[in-house]
Amino acid sequence: MRVKPHAHAFDRAFYAKLAGVSFVIGAAFEAFMLKTDFYAKVVHIEAERRFLAEQRREGEGSRDVGSRSAS
């Protein structure tokens, strides 16, 4: 009597195809992001966010110094 493999048992060829298709899809996403200057936009937005956070920190620091000297 031979044991039948489970329906969810996949062979190596399936995983090789899956890896190949995943690689191609990932490469297509990367090509699209490079073509549309996605990374340049992200860098610009991140720089703005950090600049505003630094300004907030400096503003809070000067407020703290002013309130301490007044008391």
PDB file of N, CA and C in Angstrom:
ATOM      1  N   MET A   1       0.841  -1.180   0.000  1.00  0.00           N
ATOM      2  CA  MET A   1       0.000   0.000   0.000  1.00  0.00           C
ATOM      3  C   MET A   1       0.886   1.242   0.000  1.00  0.00           C
ATOM      4  N   ARG A   2       0.602   2.103  -0.931  1.00  0.00           N
ATOM      5  CA  ARG A   2       1.393   3.315  -1.091  1.00  0.00           C
ATOM      6  C   ARG A   2       0.689   4.502  -0.436  1.00  0.00           C
ATOM      7  N   VAL A   3       1.462   5.335   0.277  1.00  0.00           N
ATOM      8  CA  VAL A   3       0.883   6.501   0.950  1.00  0.00           C
ATOM      9  C   VAL A   3       0.830   7.657  -0.044  1.00  0.00           C
ATOM     10  N   LYS A   4      -0.335   8.229  -0.174  1.00  0.00           N
ATOM     11  CA  LYS A   4      -0.525   9.351  -1.085  1.00  0.00           C
ATOM     12  C   LYS A   4      -0.061  10.640  -0.399  1.00  0.00           C
ATOM     13  N   PRO A   5       0.730  11.483  -1.076  1.00  0.00           N
ATOM     14  CA  PRO A   5       1.175  12.729  -0.439  1.00  0.00           C
ATOM     15  C   PRO A   5      -0.006  13.685  -0.235  1.00  0.00           C
ATOM     16  N   HIS A   6       0.144  14.532   0.738  1.00  0.00           N
ATOM     17  CA  HIS A   6      -0.897  15.523   1.019  1.00  0.00           C
ATOM     18  C   HIS A   6      -1.028  16.485  -0.156  1.00  0.00           C
ATOM     19  N   ALA A   7      -2.191  17.076  -0.280  1.00  0.00           N
ATOM     20  CA  ALA A   7      -2.439  18.014  -1.371  1.00  0.00           C
ATOM     21  C   ALA A   7      -1.569  19.257  -1.242  1.00  0.00           C
ATOM     22  N   HIS A   8      -1.193  19.621  -0.027  1.00  0.00           N
ATOM     23  CA  HIS A   8      -0.401  20.829   0.176  1.00  0.00           C
ATOM     24  C   HIS A   8       1.105  20.572   0.112  1.00  0.00           C
ATOM     25  N   ALA A   9       1.514  19.379  -0.223  1.00  0.00           N
ATOM     26  CA  ALA A   9       2.938  19.065  -0.340  1.00  0.00           C
ATOM     27  C   ALA A   9       3.415  19.496  -1.729  1.00  0.00           C
ATOM     28  N   PHE A  10       4.319  20.459  -1.774  1.00  0.00           N
ATOM     29  CA  PHE A  10       4.832  20.974  -3.042  1.00  0.00           C
ATOM     30  C   PHE A  10       6.255  20.483  -3.255  1.00  0.00           C
ATOM     31  N   ASP A  11       6.635  20.342  -4.506  1.00  0.00           N
ATOM     32  CA  ASP A  11       7.992  19.904  -4.801  1.00  0.00           C
ATOM     33  C   ASP A  11       8.916  21.113  -4.987  1.00  0.00           C
ATOM     34  N   ARG A  12      10.185  20.841  -5.188  1.00  0.00           N
ATOM     35  CA  ARG A  12      11.171  21.924  -5.312  1.00  0.00           C
ATOM     36  C   ARG A  12      10.930  22.792  -6.533  1.00  0.00           C
ATOM     37  N   ALA A  13      10.413  22.225  -7.595  1.00  0.00           N
ATOM     38  CA  ALA A  13      10.152  23.002  -8.810  1.00  0.00           C
ATOM     39  C   ALA A  13       9.138  24.111  -8.537  1.00  0.00           C
ATOM     40  N   PHE A  14       8.137  23.804  -7.724  1.00  0.00           N
ATOM     41  CA  PHE A  14       7.142  24.823  -7.381  1.00  0.00           C
ATOM     42  C   PHE A  14       7.799  25.995  -6.661  1.00  0.00           C
ATOM     43  N   TYR A  15       8.647  25.691  -5.677  1.00  0.00           N
ATOM     44  CA  TYR A  15       9.304  26.751  -4.921  1.00  0.00           C
ATOM     45  C   TYR A  15      10.301  27.518  -5.782  1.00  0.00           C
ATOM     46  N   ALA A  16      10.948  26.858  -6.717  1.00  0.00           N
ATOM     47  CA  ALA A  16      11.865  27.544  -7.631  1.00  0.00           C
ATOM     48  C   ALA A  16      11.094  28.515  -8.518  1.00  0.00           C
ATOM     49  N   LYS A  17       9.955  28.080  -9.035  1.00  0.00           N
ATOM     50  CA  LYS A  17       9.120  28.969  -9.849  1.00  0.00           C
ATOM     51  C   LYS A  17       8.605  30.136  -9.019  1.00  0.00           C
ATOM     52  N   LEU A  18       8.181  29.848  -7.809  1.00  0.00           N
ATOM     53  CA  LEU A  18       7.678  30.893  -6.926  1.00  0.00           C
ATOM     54  C   LEU A  18       8.759  31.933  -6.642  1.00  0.00           C
ATOM     55  N   ALA A  19       9.972  31.475  -6.378  1.00  0.00           N
ATOM     56  CA  ALA A  19      11.078  32.398  -6.122  1.00  0.00           C
ATOM     57  C   ALA A  19      11.383  33.226  -7.366  1.00  0.00           C
ATOM     58  N   GLY A  20      11.355  32.609  -8.527  1.00  0.00           N
ATOM     59  CA  GLY A  20      11.615  33.334  -9.771  1.00  0.00           C
ATOM     60  C   GLY A  20      10.572  34.399 -10.046  1.00  0.00           C
ATOM     61  N   VAL A  21       9.313  34.038  -9.884  1.00  0.00           N
ATOM     62  CA  VAL A  21       8.223  35.003 -10.103  1.00  0.00           C
ATOM     63  C   VAL A  21       8.315  36.141  -9.087  1.00  0.00           C
ATOM     64  N   SER A  22       8.610  35.823  -7.841  1.00  0.00           N
ATOM     65  CA  SER A  22       8.738  36.854  -6.802  1.00  0.00           C
ATOM     66  C   SER A  22       9.884  37.804  -7.120  1.00  0.00           C
ATOM     67  N   PHE A  23      10.991  37.259  -7.611  1.00  0.00           N
ATOM     68  CA  PHE A  23      12.131  38.094  -7.979  1.00  0.00           C
ATOM     69  C   PHE A  23      11.760  39.053  -9.104  1.00  0.00           C
ATOM     70  N   VAL A  24      11.069  38.561 -10.119  1.00  0.00           N
ATOM     71  CA  VAL A  24      10.682  39.401 -11.256  1.00  0.00           C
ATOM     72  C   VAL A  24       9.717  40.497 -10.808  1.00  0.00           C
ATOM     73  N   ILE A  25       8.757  40.159  -9.966  1.00  0.00           N
ATOM     74  CA  ILE A  25       7.804  41.161  -9.473  1.00  0.00           C
ATOM     75  C   ILE A  25       8.528  42.216  -8.642  1.00  0.00           C
ATOM     76  N   GLY A  26       9.436  41.796  -7.770  1.00  0.00           N
ATOM     77  CA  GLY A  26      10.206  42.744  -6.970  1.00  0.00           C
ATOM     78  C   GLY A  26      11.060  43.653  -7.831  1.00  0.00           C
ATOM     79  N   ALA A  27      11.679  43.100  -8.859  1.00  0.00           N
ATOM     80  CA  ALA A  27      12.491  43.912  -9.771  1.00  0.00           C
ATOM     81  C   ALA A  27      11.623  44.924 -10.513  1.00  0.00           C
ATOM     82  N   ALA A  28      10.413  44.524 -10.883  1.00  0.00           N
ATOM     83  CA  ALA A  28       9.504  45.449 -11.561  1.00  0.00           C
ATOM     84  C   ALA A  28       9.106  46.597 -10.636  1.00  0.00           C
ATOM     85  N   PHE A  29       8.846  46.291  -9.366  1.00  0.00           N
ATOM     86  CA  PHE A  29       8.533  47.345  -8.398  1.00  0.00           C
ATOM     87  C   PHE A  29       9.704  48.313  -8.258  1.00  0.00           C
ATOM     88  N   GLU A  30      10.905  47.782  -8.126  1.00  0.00           N
ATOM     89  CA  GLU A  30      12.090  48.635  -7.986  1.00  0.00           C
ATOM     90  C   GLU A  30      12.281  49.507  -9.219  1.00  0.00           C
ATOM     91  N   ALA A  31      12.113  48.937 -10.407  1.00  0.00           N
ATOM     92  CA  ALA A  31      12.259  49.708 -11.642  1.00  0.00           C
ATOM     93  C   ALA A  31      11.236  50.836 -11.691  1.00  0.00           C
ATOM     94  N   PHE A  32      10.014  50.543 -11.299  1.00  0.00           N
ATOM     95  CA  PHE A  32       8.973  51.573 -11.285  1.00  0.00           C
ATOM     96  C   PHE A  32       9.331  52.696 -10.316  1.00  0.00           C
ATOM     97  N   MET A  33       9.806  52.332  -9.117  1.00  0.00           N
ATOM     98  CA  MET A  33      10.147  53.349  -8.121  1.00  0.00           C
ATOM     99  C   MET A  33      11.334  54.188  -8.581  1.00  0.00           C
ATOM    100  N   LEU A  34      12.302  53.586  -9.241  1.00  0.00           N
ATOM    101  CA  LEU A  34      13.434  54.352  -9.757  1.00  0.00           C
ATOM    102  C   LEU A  34      12.996  55.266 -10.895  1.00  0.00           C
ATOM    103  N   LYS A  35      12.149  54.771 -11.770  1.00  0.00           N
ATOM    104  CA  LYS A  35      11.690  55.550 -12.923  1.00  0.00           C
ATOM    105  C   LYS A  35      10.864  56.763 -12.489  1.00  0.00           C
ATOM    106  N   THR A  36      10.100  56.654 -11.422  1.00  0.00           N
ATOM    107  CA  THR A  36       9.234  57.748 -10.966  1.00  0.00           C
ATOM    108  C   THR A  36       9.894  58.617  -9.893  1.00  0.00           C
ATOM    109  N   ASP A  37      11.191  58.451  -9.649  1.00  0.00           N
ATOM    110  CA  ASP A  37      11.934  59.223  -8.631  1.00  0.00           C
ATOM    111  C   ASP A  37      11.322  59.085  -7.241  1.00  0.00           C
ATOM    112  N   PHE A  38      10.841  57.917  -6.933  1.00  0.00           N
ATOM    113  CA  PHE A  38      10.233  57.659  -5.631  1.00  0.00           C
ATOM    114  C   PHE A  38      11.223  57.913  -4.504  1.00  0.00           C
ATOM    115  N   TYR A  39      12.441  57.426  -4.652  1.00  0.00           N
ATOM    116  CA  TYR A  39      13.424  57.534  -3.575  1.00  0.00           C
ATOM    117  C   TYR A  39      13.824  58.990  -3.331  1.00  0.00           C
ATOM    118  N   ALA A  40      13.922  59.796  -4.382  1.00  0.00           N
ATOM    119  CA  ALA A  40      14.237  61.216  -4.209  1.00  0.00           C
ATOM    120  C   ALA A  40      13.128  61.915  -3.420  1.00  0.00           C
ATOM    121  N   LYS A  41      11.885  61.568  -3.694  1.00  0.00           N
ATOM    122  CA  LYS A  41      10.760  62.160  -2.969  1.00  0.00           C
ATOM    123  C   LYS A  41      10.784  61.753  -1.502  1.00  0.00           C
ATOM    124  N   VAL A  42      11.081  60.491  -1.247  1.00  0.00           N
ATOM    125  CA  VAL A  42      11.130  60.004   0.132  1.00  0.00           C
ATOM    126  C   VAL A  42      12.246  60.702   0.903  1.00  0.00           C
ATOM    127  N   VAL A  43      13.400  60.878   0.276  1.00  0.00           N
ATOM    128  CA  VAL A  43      14.520  61.560   0.932  1.00  0.00           C
ATOM    129  C   VAL A  43      14.139  63.002   1.246  1.00  0.00           C
ATOM    130  N   HIS A  44      13.471  63.671   0.328  1.00  0.00           N
ATOM    131  CA  HIS A  44      13.051  65.058   0.543  1.00  0.00           C
ATOM    132  C   HIS A  44      12.043  65.153   1.695  1.00  0.00           C
ATOM    133  N   ILE A  45      11.066  64.282   1.716  1.00  0.00           N
ATOM    134  CA  ILE A  45      10.059  64.293   2.781  1.00  0.00           C
ATOM    135  C   ILE A  45      10.702  63.998   4.129  1.00  0.00           C
ATOM    136  N   GLU A  46      11.621  63.041   4.174  1.00  0.00           N
ATOM    137  CA  GLU A  46      12.303  62.701   5.429  1.00  0.00           C
ATOM    138  C   GLU A  46      13.165  63.867   5.911  1.00  0.00           C
ATOM    139  N   ALA A  47      13.830  64.569   4.985  1.00  0.00           N
ATOM    140  CA  ALA A  47      14.638  65.729   5.363  1.00  0.00           C
ATOM    141  C   ALA A  47      13.753  66.828   5.951  1.00  0.00           C
ATOM    142  N   GLU A  48      12.597  67.060   5.344  1.00  0.00           N
ATOM    143  CA  GLU A  48      11.662  68.057   5.881  1.00  0.00           C
ATOM    144  C   GLU A  48      11.200  67.677   7.284  1.00  0.00           C
ATOM    145  N   ARG A  49      10.863  66.408   7.460  1.00  0.00           N
ATOM    146  CA  ARG A  49      10.389  65.935   8.765  1.00  0.00           C
ATOM    147  C   ARG A  49      11.459  66.131   9.832  1.00  0.00           C
ATOM    148  N   ARG A  50      12.695  65.798   9.504  1.00  0.00           N
ATOM    149  CA  ARG A  50      13.779  65.953  10.477  1.00  0.00           C
ATOM    150  C   ARG A  50      14.067  67.425  10.760  1.00  0.00           C
ATOM    151  N   PHE A  51      13.982  68.271   9.727  1.00  0.00           N
ATOM    152  CA  PHE A  51      14.210  69.700   9.908  1.00  0.00           C
ATOM    153  C   PHE A  51      13.159  70.286  10.846  1.00  0.00           C
ATOM    154  N   LEU A  52      11.893  69.944  10.630  1.00  0.00           N
ATOM    155  CA  LEU A  52      10.825  70.464  11.486  1.00  0.00           C
ATOM    156  C   LEU A  52      10.955  69.938  12.916  1.00  0.00           C
ATOM    157  N   ALA A  53      11.360  68.684  13.068  1.00  0.00           N
ATOM    158  CA  ALA A  53      11.555  68.127  14.411  1.00  0.00           C
ATOM    159  C   ALA A  53      12.692  68.854  15.123  1.00  0.00           C
ATOM    160  N   GLU A  54      13.753  69.171  14.396  1.00  0.00           N
ATOM    161  CA  GLU A  54      14.882  69.899  14.990  1.00  0.00           C
ATOM    162  C   GLU A  54      14.446  71.311  15.395  1.00  0.00           C
ATOM    163  N   GLN A  55      13.654  71.966  14.556  1.00  0.00           N
ATOM    164  CA  GLN A  55      13.152  73.303  14.904  1.00  0.00           C
ATOM    165  C   GLN A  55      12.285  73.242  16.156  1.00  0.00           C
ATOM    166  N   ARG A  56      11.424  72.228  16.250  1.00  0.00           N
ATOM    167  CA  ARG A  56      10.577  72.083  17.438  1.00  0.00           C
ATOM    168  C   ARG A  56      11.428  71.895  18.681  1.00  0.00           C
ATOM    169  N   ARG A  57      12.460  71.047  18.569  1.00  0.00           N
ATOM    170  CA  ARG A  57      13.332  70.809  19.725  1.00  0.00           C
ATOM    171  C   ARG A  57      14.045  72.087  20.147  1.00  0.00           C
ATOM    172  N   GLU A  58      14.526  72.859  19.176  1.00  0.00           N
ATOM    173  CA  GLU A  58      15.207  74.113  19.503  1.00  0.00           C
ATOM    174  C   GLU A  58      14.234  75.107  20.120  1.00  0.00           C
ATOM    175  N   GLY A  59      13.001  75.145  19.627  1.00  0.00           N
ATOM    176  CA  GLY A  59      11.987  76.041  20.177  1.00  0.00           C
ATOM    177  C   GLY A  59      11.622  75.671  21.602  1.00  0.00           C
ATOM    178  N   GLU A  60      11.508  74.397  21.887  1.00  0.00           N
ATOM    179  CA  GLU A  60      11.203  73.953  23.247  1.00  0.00           C
ATOM    180  C   GLU A  60      12.361  74.265  24.176  1.00  0.00           C
ATOM    181  N   GLY A  61      13.573  74.119  23.685  1.00  0.00           N
ATOM    182  CA  GLY A  61      14.751  74.401  24.504  1.00  0.00           C
ATOM    183  C   GLY A  61      14.841  75.871  24.866  1.00  0.00           C
ATOM    184  N   SER A  62      14.553  76.767  23.919  1.00  0.00           N
ATOM    185  CA  SER A  62      14.624  78.197  24.216  1.00  0.00           C
ATOM    186  C   SER A  62      13.483  78.614  25.138  1.00  0.00           C
ATOM    187  N   ARG A  63      12.316  77.979  25.023  1.00  0.00           N
ATOM    188  CA  ARG A  63      11.211  78.280  25.927  1.00  0.00           C
ATOM    189  C   ARG A  63      11.552  77.858  27.345  1.00  0.00           C
ATOM    190  N   ASP A  64      12.185  76.697  27.495  1.00  0.00           N
ATOM    191  CA  ASP A  64      12.567  76.222  28.821  1.00  0.00           C
ATOM    192  C   ASP A  64      13.577  77.159  29.457  1.00  0.00           C
ATOM    193  N   VAL A  65      14.533  77.646  28.689  1.00  0.00           N
ATOM    194  CA  VAL A  65      15.553  78.552  29.216  1.00  0.00           C
ATOM    195  C   VAL A  65      14.908  79.863  29.641  1.00  0.00           C
ATOM    196  N   GLY A  66      13.984  80.390  28.844  1.00  0.00           N
ATOM    197  CA  GLY A  66      13.311  81.642  29.177  1.00  0.00           C
ATOM    198  C   GLY A  66      12.455  81.521  30.418  1.00  0.00           C
ATOM    199  N   SER A  67      11.781  80.428  30.596  1.00  0.00           N
ATOM    200  CA  SER A  67      10.918  80.262  31.769  1.00  0.00           C
ATOM    201  C   SER A  67      11.749  80.073  33.027  1.00  0.00           C
ATOM    202  N   ARG A  68      12.917  79.491  32.917  1.00  0.00           N
ATOM    203  CA  ARG A  68      13.766  79.310  34.091  1.00  0.00           C
ATOM    204  C   ARG A  68      14.374  80.629  34.548  1.00  0.00           C
ATOM    205  N   SER A  69      14.753  81.469  33.597  1.00  0.00           N
ATOM    206  CA  SER A  69      15.386  82.731  33.991  1.00  0.00           C
ATOM    207  C   SER A  69      14.367  83.714  34.562  1.00  0.00           C
ATOM    208  N   ALA A  70      13.097  83.587  34.195  1.00  0.00           N
ATOM    209  CA  ALA A  70      12.070  84.496  34.692  1.00  0.00           C
ATOM    210  C   ALA A  70      11.711  84.188  36.139  1.00  0.00           C
ATOM    211  N   SER A  71      11.931  82.977  36.610  1.00  0.00           N
ATOM    212  CA  SER A  71      11.523  82.645  37.971  1.00  0.00           C
ATOM    213  C   SER A  71      12.589  82.863  38.976  1.00  0.00           C
TER     214      SER A  71
END
